[in-house]
Amino acid sequence: MDRLIHFAGRIVADEGFSVHPAKTRVMRAHRRQHLAGLVVNTRPQAARADFDDLKALLFNCVRFGPESQNRDGRPHFREYVYGRIAWVAESNESRKRSLHALADRVDWAG
């Protein structure tokens, strides 16, 4: 394990970068591998929990209105939600369709 980290660190240094030792770990195949907020085991995509949380937020926006879900008082809540949709949906077309279908049902005008 230490040899792997050592050799990877040498490659990174040869490319002109540096490794932050506290942020370096080996993530085996049977564990969730995450990098920069994405799960990267098979292909990069947002974590299932992020997708589920966003889907729940949109569902509650449909049922109770978007103002009921804007708990942080964001002045541009619709844009914030569509930004989260774009981030979660960037790497998964079926999640994108599902989230946009829910967002299209929200009465944003209130």
PDB file of N, CA and C in Angstrom:
ATOM      1  N   MET A   1       0.835  -1.194   0.000  1.00  0.00           N
ATOM      2  CA  MET A   1       0.000   0.000   0.000  1.00  0.00           C
ATOM      3  C   MET A   1       0.873   1.249   0.000  1.00  0.00           C
ATOM      4  N   ASP A   2       1.860   1.265   0.906  1.00  0.00           N
ATOM      5  CA  ASP A   2       2.752   2.428   0.971  1.00  0.00           C
ATOM      6  C   ASP A   2       3.532   2.599  -0.328  1.00  0.00           C
ATOM      7  N   ARG A   3       3.889   1.482  -0.968  1.00  0.00           N
ATOM      8  CA  ARG A   3       4.620   1.561  -2.238  1.00  0.00           C
ATOM      9  C   ARG A   3       3.755   2.201  -3.315  1.00  0.00           C
ATOM     10  N   LEU A   4       2.476   1.836  -3.329  1.00  0.00           N
ATOM     11  CA  LEU A   4       1.552   2.406  -4.315  1.00  0.00           C
ATOM     12  C   LEU A   4       1.463   3.920  -4.144  1.00  0.00           C
ATOM     13  N   ILE A   5       1.276   4.354  -2.922  1.00  0.00           N
ATOM     14  CA  ILE A   5       1.176   5.791  -2.649  1.00  0.00           C
ATOM     15  C   ILE A   5       2.491   6.486  -2.999  1.00  0.00           C
ATOM     16  N   HIS A   6       3.604   5.845  -2.685  1.00  0.00           N
ATOM     17  CA  HIS A   6       4.916   6.423  -3.000  1.00  0.00           C
ATOM     18  C   HIS A   6       5.084   6.612  -4.507  1.00  0.00           C
ATOM     19  N   PHE A   7       4.807   5.565  -5.284  1.00  0.00           N
ATOM     20  CA  PHE A   7       4.987   5.655  -6.734  1.00  0.00           C
ATOM     21  C   PHE A   7       3.987   6.626  -7.371  1.00  0.00           C
ATOM     22  N   ALA A   8       2.774   6.633  -6.886  1.00  0.00           N
ATOM     23  CA  ALA A   8       1.795   7.594  -7.396  1.00  0.00           C
ATOM     24  C   ALA A   8       2.246   9.017  -7.084  1.00  0.00           C
ATOM     25  N   GLY A   9       2.798   9.224  -5.895  1.00  0.00           N
ATOM     26  CA  GLY A   9       3.312  10.537  -5.524  1.00  0.00           C
ATOM     27  C   GLY A   9       4.464  10.977  -6.414  1.00  0.00           C
ATOM     28  N   ARG A  10       5.307  10.039  -6.798  1.00  0.00           N
ATOM     29  CA  ARG A  10       6.418  10.371  -7.704  1.00  0.00           C
ATOM     30  C   ARG A  10       5.899  10.778  -9.080  1.00  0.00           C
ATOM     31  N   ILE A  11       4.892  10.077  -9.576  1.00  0.00           N
ATOM     32  CA  ILE A  11       4.309  10.429 -10.877  1.00  0.00           C
ATOM     33  C   ILE A  11       3.697  11.826 -10.813  1.00  0.00           C
ATOM     34  N   VAL A  12       2.972  12.098  -9.747  1.00  0.00           N
ATOM     35  CA  VAL A  12       2.349  13.411  -9.566  1.00  0.00           C
ATOM     36  C   VAL A  12       3.423  14.496  -9.516  1.00  0.00           C
ATOM     37  N   ALA A  13       4.501  14.250  -8.783  1.00  0.00           N
ATOM     38  CA  ALA A  13       5.593  15.231  -8.678  1.00  0.00           C
ATOM     39  C   ALA A  13       6.282  15.429 -10.023  1.00  0.00           C
ATOM     40  N   ASP A  14       6.463  14.349 -10.782  1.00  0.00           N
ATOM     41  CA  ASP A  14       7.068  14.466 -12.113  1.00  0.00           C
ATOM     42  C   ASP A  14       6.237  15.341 -13.043  1.00  0.00           C
ATOM     43  N   GLU A  15       4.936  15.396 -12.797  1.00  0.00           N
ATOM     44  CA  GLU A  15       4.034  16.215 -13.616  1.00  0.00           C
ATOM     45  C   GLU A  15       3.929  17.645 -13.089  1.00  0.00           C
ATOM     46  N   GLY A  16       4.660  17.938 -12.009  1.00  0.00           N
ATOM     47  CA  GLY A  16       4.696  19.307 -11.498  1.00  0.00           C
ATOM     48  C   GLY A  16       3.649  19.616 -10.440  1.00  0.00           C
ATOM     49  N   PHE A  17       3.029  18.602  -9.889  1.00  0.00           N
ATOM     50  CA  PHE A  17       2.008  18.799  -8.858  1.00  0.00           C
ATOM     51  C   PHE A  17       2.524  18.275  -7.533  1.00  0.00           C
ATOM     52  N   SER A  18       1.765  18.505  -6.486  1.00  0.00           N
ATOM     53  CA  SER A  18       2.132  17.960  -5.180  1.00  0.00           C
ATOM     54  C   SER A  18       0.931  17.230  -4.590  1.00  0.00           C
ATOM     55  N   VAL A  19       1.233  16.277  -3.725  1.00  0.00           N
ATOM     56  CA  VAL A  19       0.209  15.464  -3.082  1.00  0.00           C
ATOM     57  C   VAL A  19       0.028  15.944  -1.655  1.00  0.00           C
ATOM     58  N   HIS A  20      -1.213  16.106  -1.252  1.00  0.00           N
ATOM     59  CA  HIS A  20      -1.518  16.469   0.132  1.00  0.00           C
ATOM     60  C   HIS A  20      -1.670  15.154   0.900  1.00  0.00           C
ATOM     61  N   PRO A  21      -0.722  14.811   1.768  1.00  0.00           N
ATOM     62  CA  PRO A  21      -0.736  13.499   2.415  1.00  0.00           C
ATOM     63  C   PRO A  21      -2.013  13.191   3.199  1.00  0.00           C
ATOM     64  N   ALA A  22      -2.606  14.193   3.813  1.00  0.00           N
ATOM     65  CA  ALA A  22      -3.823  13.954   4.599  1.00  0.00           C
ATOM     66  C   ALA A  22      -5.031  13.650   3.708  1.00  0.00           C
ATOM     67  N   LYS A  23      -4.916  13.964   2.420  1.00  0.00           N
ATOM     68  CA  LYS A  23      -6.024  13.728   1.504  1.00  0.00           C
ATOM     69  C   LYS A  23      -5.769  12.539   0.580  1.00  0.00           C
ATOM     70  N   THR A  24      -4.731  11.781   0.872  1.00  0.00           N
ATOM     71  CA  THR A  24      -4.350  10.667   0.014  1.00  0.00           C
ATOM     72  C   THR A  24      -4.740   9.361   0.684  1.00  0.00           C
ATOM     73  N   ARG A  25      -5.503   8.540  -0.017  1.00  0.00           N
ATOM     74  CA  ARG A  25      -5.869   7.221   0.486  1.00  0.00           C
ATOM     75  C   ARG A  25      -6.167   6.295  -0.674  1.00  0.00           C
ATOM     76  N   VAL A  26      -5.996   5.043  -0.450  1.00  0.00           N
ATOM     77  CA  VAL A  26      -6.314   4.030  -1.450  1.00  0.00           C
ATOM     78  C   VAL A  26      -7.723   3.538  -1.160  1.00  0.00           C
ATOM     79  N   MET A  27      -8.594   3.608  -2.149  1.00  0.00           N
ATOM     80  CA  MET A  27      -9.975   3.167  -1.995  1.00  0.00           C
ATOM     81  C   MET A  27     -10.168   1.905  -2.836  1.00  0.00           C
ATOM     82  N   ARG A  28     -10.382   0.806  -2.189  1.00  0.00           N
ATOM     83  CA  ARG A  28     -10.516  -0.480  -2.855  1.00  0.00           C
ATOM     84  C   ARG A  28     -11.856  -0.595  -3.583  1.00  0.00           C
ATOM     85  N   ALA A  29     -11.948  -1.573  -4.468  1.00  0.00           N
ATOM     86  CA  ALA A  29     -13.125  -1.735  -5.330  1.00  0.00           C
ATOM     87  C   ALA A  29     -14.404  -2.018  -4.548  1.00  0.00           C
ATOM     88  N   HIS A  30     -14.323  -2.689  -3.414  1.00  0.00           N
ATOM     89  CA  HIS A  30     -15.529  -3.044  -2.664  1.00  0.00           C
ATOM     90  C   HIS A  30     -16.051  -1.916  -1.783  1.00  0.00           C
ATOM     91  N   ARG A  31     -15.390  -0.778  -1.772  1.00  0.00           N
ATOM     92  CA  ARG A  31     -15.812   0.376  -0.992  1.00  0.00           C
ATOM     93  C   ARG A  31     -16.228   1.503  -1.936  1.00  0.00           C
ATOM     94  N   ARG A  32     -17.014   2.436  -1.425  1.00  0.00           N
ATOM     95  CA  ARG A  32     -17.385   3.573  -2.252  1.00  0.00           C
ATOM     96  C   ARG A  32     -16.149   4.436  -2.476  1.00  0.00           C
ATOM     97  N   GLN A  33     -15.845   4.677  -3.743  1.00  0.00           N
ATOM     98  CA  GLN A  33     -14.694   5.494  -4.111  1.00  0.00           C
ATOM     99  C   GLN A  33     -15.215   6.867  -4.498  1.00  0.00           C
ATOM    100  N   HIS A  34     -14.762   7.884  -3.802  1.00  0.00           N
ATOM    101  CA  HIS A  34     -15.265   9.225  -4.085  1.00  0.00           C
ATOM    102  C   HIS A  34     -14.109  10.168  -4.331  1.00  0.00           C
ATOM    103  N   LEU A  35     -14.359  11.093  -5.229  1.00  0.00           N
ATOM    104  CA  LEU A  35     -13.350  12.062  -5.614  1.00  0.00           C
ATOM    105  C   LEU A  35     -14.072  13.341  -6.026  1.00  0.00           C
ATOM    106  N   ALA A  36     -13.734  14.442  -5.416  1.00  0.00           N
ATOM    107  CA  ALA A  36     -14.311  15.750  -5.749  1.00  0.00           C
ATOM    108  C   ALA A  36     -15.838  15.743  -5.674  1.00  0.00           C
ATOM    109  N   GLY A  37     -16.378  15.049  -4.680  1.00  0.00           N
ATOM    110  CA  GLY A  37     -17.825  15.035  -4.486  1.00  0.00           C
ATOM    111  C   GLY A  37     -18.581  14.053  -5.355  1.00  0.00           C
ATOM    112  N   LEU A  38     -17.874  13.282  -6.170  1.00  0.00           N
ATOM    113  CA  LEU A  38     -18.514  12.302  -7.044  1.00  0.00           C
ATOM    114  C   LEU A  38     -18.114  10.897  -6.620  1.00  0.00           C
ATOM    115  N   VAL A  39     -19.017   9.950  -6.832  1.00  0.00           N
ATOM    116  CA  VAL A  39     -18.693   8.545  -6.640  1.00  0.00           C
ATOM    117  C   VAL A  39     -18.126   8.056  -7.960  1.00  0.00           C
ATOM    118  N   VAL A  40     -16.949   7.427  -7.927  1.00  0.00           N
ATOM    119  CA  VAL A  40     -16.247   7.095  -9.167  1.00  0.00           C
ATOM    120  C   VAL A  40     -15.971   5.595  -9.319  1.00  0.00           C
ATOM    121  N   ASN A  41     -16.717   4.736  -8.625  1.00  0.00           N
ATOM    122  CA  ASN A  41     -16.467   3.295  -8.713  1.00  0.00           C
ATOM    123  C   ASN A  41     -16.535   2.797 -10.151  1.00  0.00           C
ATOM    124  N   THR A  42     -17.661   2.929 -10.797  1.00  0.00           N
ATOM    125  CA  THR A  42     -17.832   2.452 -12.164  1.00  0.00           C
ATOM    126  C   THR A  42     -17.668   3.596 -13.146  1.00  0.00           C
ATOM    127  N   ARG A  43     -18.395   4.651 -12.886  1.00  0.00           N
ATOM    128  CA  ARG A  43     -18.295   5.874 -13.696  1.00  0.00           C
ATOM    129  C   ARG A  43     -18.588   7.047 -12.763  1.00  0.00           C
ATOM    130  N   PRO A  44     -18.079   8.208 -13.059  1.00  0.00           N
ATOM    131  CA  PRO A  44     -18.320   9.342 -12.157  1.00  0.00           C
ATOM    132  C   PRO A  44     -19.788   9.755 -12.164  1.00  0.00           C
ATOM    133  N   GLN A  45     -20.358   9.860 -10.992  1.00  0.00           N
ATOM    134  CA  GLN A  45     -21.712  10.394 -10.855  1.00  0.00           C
ATOM    135  C   GLN A  45     -21.927  10.819  -9.415  1.00  0.00           C
ATOM    136  N   ALA A  46     -22.938  11.643  -9.217  1.00  0.00           N
ATOM    137  CA  ALA A  46     -23.265  12.109  -7.872  1.00  0.00           C
ATOM    138  C   ALA A  46     -23.705  10.916  -7.030  1.00  0.00           C
ATOM    139  N   ALA A  47     -23.486  11.013  -5.747  1.00  0.00           N
ATOM    140  CA  ALA A  47     -23.880   9.941  -4.833  1.00  0.00           C
ATOM    141  C   ALA A  47     -25.395   9.752  -4.869  1.00  0.00           C
ATOM    142  N   ARG A  48     -25.828   8.540  -4.621  1.00  0.00           N
ATOM    143  CA  ARG A  48     -27.253   8.219  -4.621  1.00  0.00           C
ATOM    144  C   ARG A  48     -28.005   9.101  -3.615  1.00  0.00           C
ATOM    145  N   ALA A  49     -27.390   9.367  -2.478  1.00  0.00           N
ATOM    146  CA  ALA A  49     -28.040  10.205  -1.466  1.00  0.00           C
ATOM    147  C   ALA A  49     -28.286  11.616  -1.993  1.00  0.00           C
ATOM    148  N   ASP A  50     -27.361  12.167  -2.770  1.00  0.00           N
ATOM    149  CA  ASP A  50     -27.551  13.503  -3.349  1.00  0.00           C
ATOM    150  C   ASP A  50     -28.729  13.499  -4.314  1.00  0.00           C
ATOM    151  N   PHE A  51     -28.811  12.451  -5.137  1.00  0.00           N
ATOM    152  CA  PHE A  51     -29.932  12.322  -6.071  1.00  0.00           C
ATOM    153  C   PHE A  51     -31.251  12.187  -5.311  1.00  0.00           C
ATOM    154  N   ASP A  52     -31.273  11.320  -4.310  1.00  0.00           N
ATOM    155  CA  ASP A  52     -32.498  11.107  -3.534  1.00  0.00           C
ATOM    156  C   ASP A  52     -32.942  12.374  -2.814  1.00  0.00           C
ATOM    157  N   ASP A  53     -31.988  13.110  -2.242  1.00  0.00           N
ATOM    158  CA  ASP A  53     -32.326  14.364  -1.543  1.00  0.00           C
ATOM    159  C   ASP A  53     -32.924  15.387  -2.505  1.00  0.00           C
ATOM    160  N   LEU A  54     -32.351  15.491  -3.677  1.00  0.00           N
ATOM    161  CA  LEU A  54     -32.848  16.451  -4.662  1.00  0.00           C
ATOM    162  C   LEU A  54     -34.222  16.035  -5.178  1.00  0.00           C
ATOM    163  N   LYS A  55     -34.401  14.752  -5.399  1.00  0.00           N
ATOM    164  CA  LYS A  55     -35.700  14.243  -5.855  1.00  0.00           C
ATOM    165  C   LYS A  55     -36.773  14.510  -4.791  1.00  0.00           C
ATOM    166  N   ALA A  56     -36.429  14.314  -3.528  1.00  0.00           N
ATOM    167  CA  ALA A  56     -37.373  14.595  -2.441  1.00  0.00           C
ATOM    168  C   ALA A  56     -37.703  16.078  -2.379  1.00  0.00           C
ATOM    169  N   LEU A  57     -36.691  16.926  -2.539  1.00  0.00           N
ATOM    170  CA  LEU A  57     -36.923  18.372  -2.533  1.00  0.00           C
ATOM    171  C   LEU A  57     -37.890  18.761  -3.656  1.00  0.00           C
ATOM    172  N   LEU A  58     -37.656  18.223  -4.853  1.00  0.00           N
ATOM    173  CA  LEU A  58     -38.539  18.543  -5.987  1.00  0.00           C
ATOM    174  C   LEU A  58     -39.949  18.013  -5.756  1.00  0.00           C
ATOM    175  N   PHE A  59     -40.065  16.809  -5.231  1.00  0.00           N
ATOM    176  CA  PHE A  59     -41.379  16.236  -4.954  1.00  0.00           C
ATOM    177  C   PHE A  59     -42.139  17.101  -3.959  1.00  0.00           C
ATOM    178  N   ASN A  60     -41.432  17.576  -2.919  1.00  0.00           N
ATOM    179  CA  ASN A  60     -42.075  18.452  -1.938  1.00  0.00           C
ATOM    180  C   ASN A  60     -42.410  19.811  -2.532  1.00  0.00           C
ATOM    181  N   CYS A  61     -41.594  20.281  -3.485  1.00  0.00           N
ATOM    182  CA  CYS A  61     -41.929  21.526  -4.189  1.00  0.00           C
ATOM    183  C   CYS A  61     -43.227  21.363  -4.976  1.00  0.00           C
ATOM    184  N   VAL A  62     -43.405  20.212  -5.582  1.00  0.00           N
ATOM    185  CA  VAL A  62     -44.645  19.935  -6.327  1.00  0.00           C
ATOM    186  C   VAL A  62     -45.823  19.916  -5.366  1.00  0.00           C
ATOM    187  N   ARG A  63     -45.683  19.239  -4.256  1.00  0.00           N
ATOM    188  CA  ARG A  63     -46.800  19.066  -3.309  1.00  0.00           C
ATOM    189  C   ARG A  63     -47.118  20.330  -2.520  1.00  0.00           C
ATOM    190  N   PHE A  64     -46.079  21.010  -2.030  1.00  0.00           N
ATOM    191  CA  PHE A  64     -46.299  22.094  -1.074  1.00  0.00           C
ATOM    192  C   PHE A  64     -45.867  23.468  -1.573  1.00  0.00           C
ATOM    193  N   GLY A  65     -45.272  23.518  -2.763  1.00  0.00           N
ATOM    194  CA  GLY A  65     -44.793  24.782  -3.315  1.00  0.00           C
ATOM    195  C   GLY A  65     -43.320  24.986  -3.012  1.00  0.00           C
ATOM    196  N   PRO A  66     -42.613  25.636  -3.934  1.00  0.00           N
ATOM    197  CA  PRO A  66     -41.166  25.815  -3.748  1.00  0.00           C
ATOM    198  C   PRO A  66     -40.802  26.691  -2.555  1.00  0.00           C
ATOM    199  N   GLU A  67     -41.650  27.650  -2.213  1.00  0.00           N
ATOM    200  CA  GLU A  67     -41.326  28.521  -1.083  1.00  0.00           C
ATOM    201  C   GLU A  67     -41.254  27.736   0.229  1.00  0.00           C
ATOM    202  N   SER A  68     -41.998  26.635   0.334  1.00  0.00           N
ATOM    203  CA  SER A  68     -41.942  25.816   1.548  1.00  0.00           C
ATOM    204  C   SER A  68     -40.614  25.070   1.669  1.00  0.00           C
ATOM    205  N   GLN A  69     -39.922  24.870   0.581  1.00  0.00           N
ATOM    206  CA  GLN A  69     -38.661  24.129   0.587  1.00  0.00           C
ATOM    207  C   GLN A  69     -37.436  25.039   0.612  1.00  0.00           C
ATOM    208  N   ASN A  70     -37.638  26.329   0.458  1.00  0.00           N
ATOM    209  CA  ASN A  70     -36.532  27.289   0.458  1.00  0.00           C
ATOM    210  C   ASN A  70     -36.209  27.667   1.907  1.00  0.00           C
ATOM    211  N   ARG A  71     -35.704  26.704   2.649  1.00  0.00           N
ATOM    212  CA  ARG A  71     -35.479  26.883   4.086  1.00  0.00           C
ATOM    213  C   ARG A  71     -34.321  27.821   4.400  1.00  0.00           C
ATOM    214  N   ASP A  72     -33.398  27.976   3.440  1.00  0.00           N
ATOM    215  CA  ASP A  72     -32.255  28.869   3.659  1.00  0.00           C
ATOM    216  C   ASP A  72     -32.531  30.285   3.159  1.00  0.00           C
ATOM    217  N   GLY A  73     -33.724  30.528   2.616  1.00  0.00           N
ATOM    218  CA  GLY A  73     -34.096  31.857   2.139  1.00  0.00           C
ATOM    219  C   GLY A  73     -33.288  32.317   0.939  1.00  0.00           C
ATOM    220  N   ARG A  74     -32.975  31.411   0.046  1.00  0.00           N
ATOM    221  CA  ARG A  74     -32.198  31.764  -1.149  1.00  0.00           C
ATOM    222  C   ARG A  74     -33.029  32.676  -2.048  1.00  0.00           C
ATOM    223  N   PRO A  75     -32.472  33.816  -2.470  1.00  0.00           N
ATOM    224  CA  PRO A  75     -33.252  34.756  -3.283  1.00  0.00           C
ATOM    225  C   PRO A  75     -33.586  34.208  -4.677  1.00  0.00           C
ATOM    226  N   HIS A  76     -32.773  33.327  -5.214  1.00  0.00           N
ATOM    227  CA  HIS A  76     -33.012  32.752  -6.543  1.00  0.00           C
ATOM    228  C   HIS A  76     -33.107  31.242  -6.412  1.00  0.00           C
ATOM    229  N   PHE A  77     -34.117  30.812  -5.684  1.00  0.00           N
ATOM    230  CA  PHE A  77     -34.253  29.391  -5.344  1.00  0.00           C
ATOM    231  C   PHE A  77     -34.409  28.513  -6.579  1.00  0.00           C
ATOM    232  N   ARG A  78     -35.187  28.958  -7.546  1.00  0.00           N
ATOM    233  CA  ARG A  78     -35.380  28.160  -8.765  1.00  0.00           C
ATOM    234  C   ARG A  78     -34.045  27.917  -9.467  1.00  0.00           C
ATOM    235  N   GLU A  79     -33.244  28.949  -9.604  1.00  0.00           N
ATOM    236  CA  GLU A  79     -31.939  28.808 -10.251  1.00  0.00           C
ATOM    237  C   GLU A  79     -31.028  27.890  -9.445  1.00  0.00           C
ATOM    238  N   TYR A  80     -31.095  28.003  -8.131  1.00  0.00           N
ATOM    239  CA  TYR A  80     -30.322  27.129  -7.248  1.00  0.00           C
ATOM    240  C   TYR A  80     -30.703  25.664  -7.486  1.00  0.00           C
ATOM    241  N   VAL A  81     -32.005  25.400  -7.533  1.00  0.00           N
ATOM    242  CA  VAL A  81     -32.478  24.023  -7.740  1.00  0.00           C
ATOM    243  C   VAL A  81     -32.043  23.513  -9.111  1.00  0.00           C
ATOM    244  N   TYR A  82     -32.185  24.329 -10.146  1.00  0.00           N
ATOM    245  CA  TYR A  82     -31.769  23.891 -11.487  1.00  0.00           C
ATOM    246  C   TYR A  82     -30.251  23.697 -11.567  1.00  0.00           C
ATOM    247  N   GLY A  83     -29.508  24.437 -10.794  1.00  0.00           N
ATOM    248  CA  GLY A  83     -28.058  24.224 -10.721  1.00  0.00           C
ATOM    249  C   GLY A  83     -27.725  22.882 -10.092  1.00  0.00           C
ATOM    250  N   ARG A  84     -28.442  22.539  -9.032  1.00  0.00           N
ATOM    251  CA  ARG A  84     -28.243  21.220  -8.408  1.00  0.00           C
ATOM    252  C   ARG A  84     -28.657  20.109  -9.354  1.00  0.00           C
ATOM    253  N   ILE A  85     -29.747  20.322 -10.093  1.00  0.00           N
ATOM    254  CA  ILE A  85     -30.171  19.319 -11.080  1.00  0.00           C
ATOM    255  C   ILE A  85     -29.071  19.124 -12.113  1.00  0.00           C
ATOM    256  N   ALA A  86     -28.501  20.207 -12.603  1.00  0.00           N
ATOM    257  CA  ALA A  86     -27.445  20.115 -13.620  1.00  0.00           C
ATOM    258  C   ALA A  86     -26.246  19.347 -13.084  1.00  0.00           C
ATOM    259  N   TRP A  87     -25.882  19.588 -11.822  1.00  0.00           N
ATOM    260  CA  TRP A  87     -24.724  18.899 -11.251  1.00  0.00           C
ATOM    261  C   TRP A  87     -24.991  17.404 -11.090  1.00  0.00           C
ATOM    262  N   VAL A  88     -26.145  17.049 -10.530  1.00  0.00           N
ATOM    263  CA  VAL A  88     -26.472  15.637 -10.312  1.00  0.00           C
ATOM    264  C   VAL A  88     -26.676  14.918 -11.643  1.00  0.00           C
ATOM    265  N   ALA A  89     -27.282  15.595 -12.617  1.00  0.00           N
ATOM    266  CA  ALA A  89     -27.657  14.965 -13.880  1.00  0.00           C
ATOM    267  C   ALA A  89     -26.536  14.936 -14.909  1.00  0.00           C
ATOM    268  N   GLU A  90     -25.442  15.622 -14.649  1.00  0.00           N
ATOM    269  CA  GLU A  90     -24.361  15.742 -15.631  1.00  0.00           C
ATOM    270  C   GLU A  90     -23.871  14.396 -16.144  1.00  0.00           C
ATOM    271  N   SER A  91     -23.822  13.408 -15.275  1.00  0.00           N
ATOM    272  CA  SER A  91     -23.221  12.138 -15.667  1.00  0.00           C
ATOM    273  C   SER A  91     -24.213  10.983 -15.770  1.00  0.00           C
ATOM    274  N   ASN A  92     -25.511  11.263 -15.671  1.00  0.00           N
ATOM    275  CA  ASN A  92     -26.481  10.182 -15.711  1.00  0.00           C
ATOM    276  C   ASN A  92     -27.751  10.673 -16.405  1.00  0.00           C
ATOM    277  N   GLU A  93     -27.966  10.210 -17.613  1.00  0.00           N
ATOM    278  CA  GLU A  93     -29.092  10.681 -18.434  1.00  0.00           C
ATOM    279  C   GLU A  93     -30.445  10.316 -17.829  1.00  0.00           C
ATOM    280  N   SER A  94     -30.577   9.141 -17.235  1.00  0.00           N
ATOM    281  CA  SER A  94     -31.882   8.757 -16.664  1.00  0.00           C
ATOM    282  C   SER A  94     -32.203   9.609 -15.433  1.00  0.00           C
ATOM    283  N   ARG A  95     -31.194   9.916 -14.625  1.00  0.00           N
ATOM    284  CA  ARG A  95     -31.428  10.816 -13.491  1.00  0.00           C
ATOM    285  C   ARG A  95     -31.815  12.203 -13.991  1.00  0.00           C
ATOM    286  N   LYS A  96     -31.189  12.641 -15.065  1.00  0.00           N
ATOM    287  CA  LYS A  96     -31.496  13.945 -15.646  1.00  0.00           C
ATOM    288  C   LYS A  96     -32.965  14.017 -16.064  1.00  0.00           C
ATOM    289  N   ARG A  97     -33.424  13.004 -16.783  1.00  0.00           N
ATOM    290  CA  ARG A  97     -34.826  12.979 -17.224  1.00  0.00           C
ATOM    291  C   ARG A  97     -35.777  12.969 -16.038  1.00  0.00           C
ATOM    292  N   SER A  98     -35.474  12.164 -15.049  1.00  0.00           N
ATOM    293  CA  SER A  98     -36.327  12.051 -13.870  1.00  0.00           C
ATOM    294  C   SER A  98     -36.428  13.378 -13.122  1.00  0.00           C
ATOM    295  N   LEU A  99     -35.305  14.030 -12.901  1.00  0.00           N
ATOM    296  CA  LEU A  99     -35.308  15.294 -12.159  1.00  0.00           C
ATOM    297  C   LEU A  99     -35.981  16.410 -12.945  1.00  0.00           C
ATOM    298  N   HIS A 100     -35.729  16.471 -14.254  1.00  0.00           N
ATOM    299  CA  HIS A 100     -36.379  17.512 -15.060  1.00  0.00           C
ATOM    300  C   HIS A 100     -37.882  17.285 -15.148  1.00  0.00           C
ATOM    301  N   ALA A 101     -38.310  16.037 -15.181  1.00  0.00           N
ATOM    302  CA  ALA A 101     -39.746  15.747 -15.195  1.00  0.00           C
ATOM    303  C   ALA A 101     -40.401  16.256 -13.911  1.00  0.00           C
ATOM    304  N   LEU A 102     -39.750  16.061 -12.790  1.00  0.00           N
ATOM    305  CA  LEU A 102     -40.295  16.580 -11.528  1.00  0.00           C
ATOM    306  C   LEU A 102     -40.257  18.102 -11.501  1.00  0.00           C
ATOM    307  N   ALA A 103     -39.151  18.696 -11.945  1.00  0.00           N
ATOM    308  CA  ALA A 103     -39.016  20.157 -11.929  1.00  0.00           C
ATOM    309  C   ALA A 103     -40.055  20.816 -12.831  1.00  0.00           C
ATOM    310  N   ASP A 104     -40.419  20.158 -13.926  1.00  0.00           N
ATOM    311  CA  ASP A 104     -41.433  20.708 -14.830  1.00  0.00           C
ATOM    312  C   ASP A 104     -42.816  20.744 -14.173  1.00  0.00           C
ATOM    313  N   ARG A 105     -43.027  19.952 -13.136  1.00  0.00           N
ATOM    314  CA  ARG A 105     -44.323  19.915 -12.442  1.00  0.00           C
ATOM    315  C   ARG A 105     -44.430  20.974 -11.344  1.00  0.00           C
ATOM    316  N   VAL A 106     -43.331  21.616 -11.022  1.00  0.00           N
ATOM    317  CA  VAL A 106     -43.319  22.621  -9.933  1.00  0.00           C
ATOM    318  C   VAL A 106     -43.914  23.928 -10.441  1.00  0.00           C
ATOM    319  N   ASP A 107     -44.796  24.520  -9.632  1.00  0.00           N
ATOM    320  CA  ASP A 107     -45.341  25.841  -9.943  1.00  0.00           C
ATOM    321  C   ASP A 107     -44.391  26.896  -9.371  1.00  0.00           C
ATOM    322  N   TRP A 108     -43.416  27.287 -10.166  1.00  0.00           N
ATOM    323  CA  TRP A 108     -42.383  28.212  -9.708  1.00  0.00           C
ATOM    324  C   TRP A 108     -42.919  29.620  -9.507  1.00  0.00           C
ATOM    325  N   ALA A 109     -44.023  29.957 -10.179  1.00  0.00           N
ATOM    326  CA  ALA A 109     -44.585  31.310 -10.059  1.00  0.00           C
ATOM    327  C   ALA A 109     -45.253  31.503  -8.705  1.00  0.00           C
ATOM    328  N   GLY A 110     -45.636  30.394  -8.093  1.00  0.00           N
ATOM    329  CA  GLY A 110     -46.204  30.455  -6.745  1.00  0.00           C
ATOM    330  C   GLY A 110     -47.592  30.926  -6.733  1.00  0.00           C
TER     331      GLY A 110
END
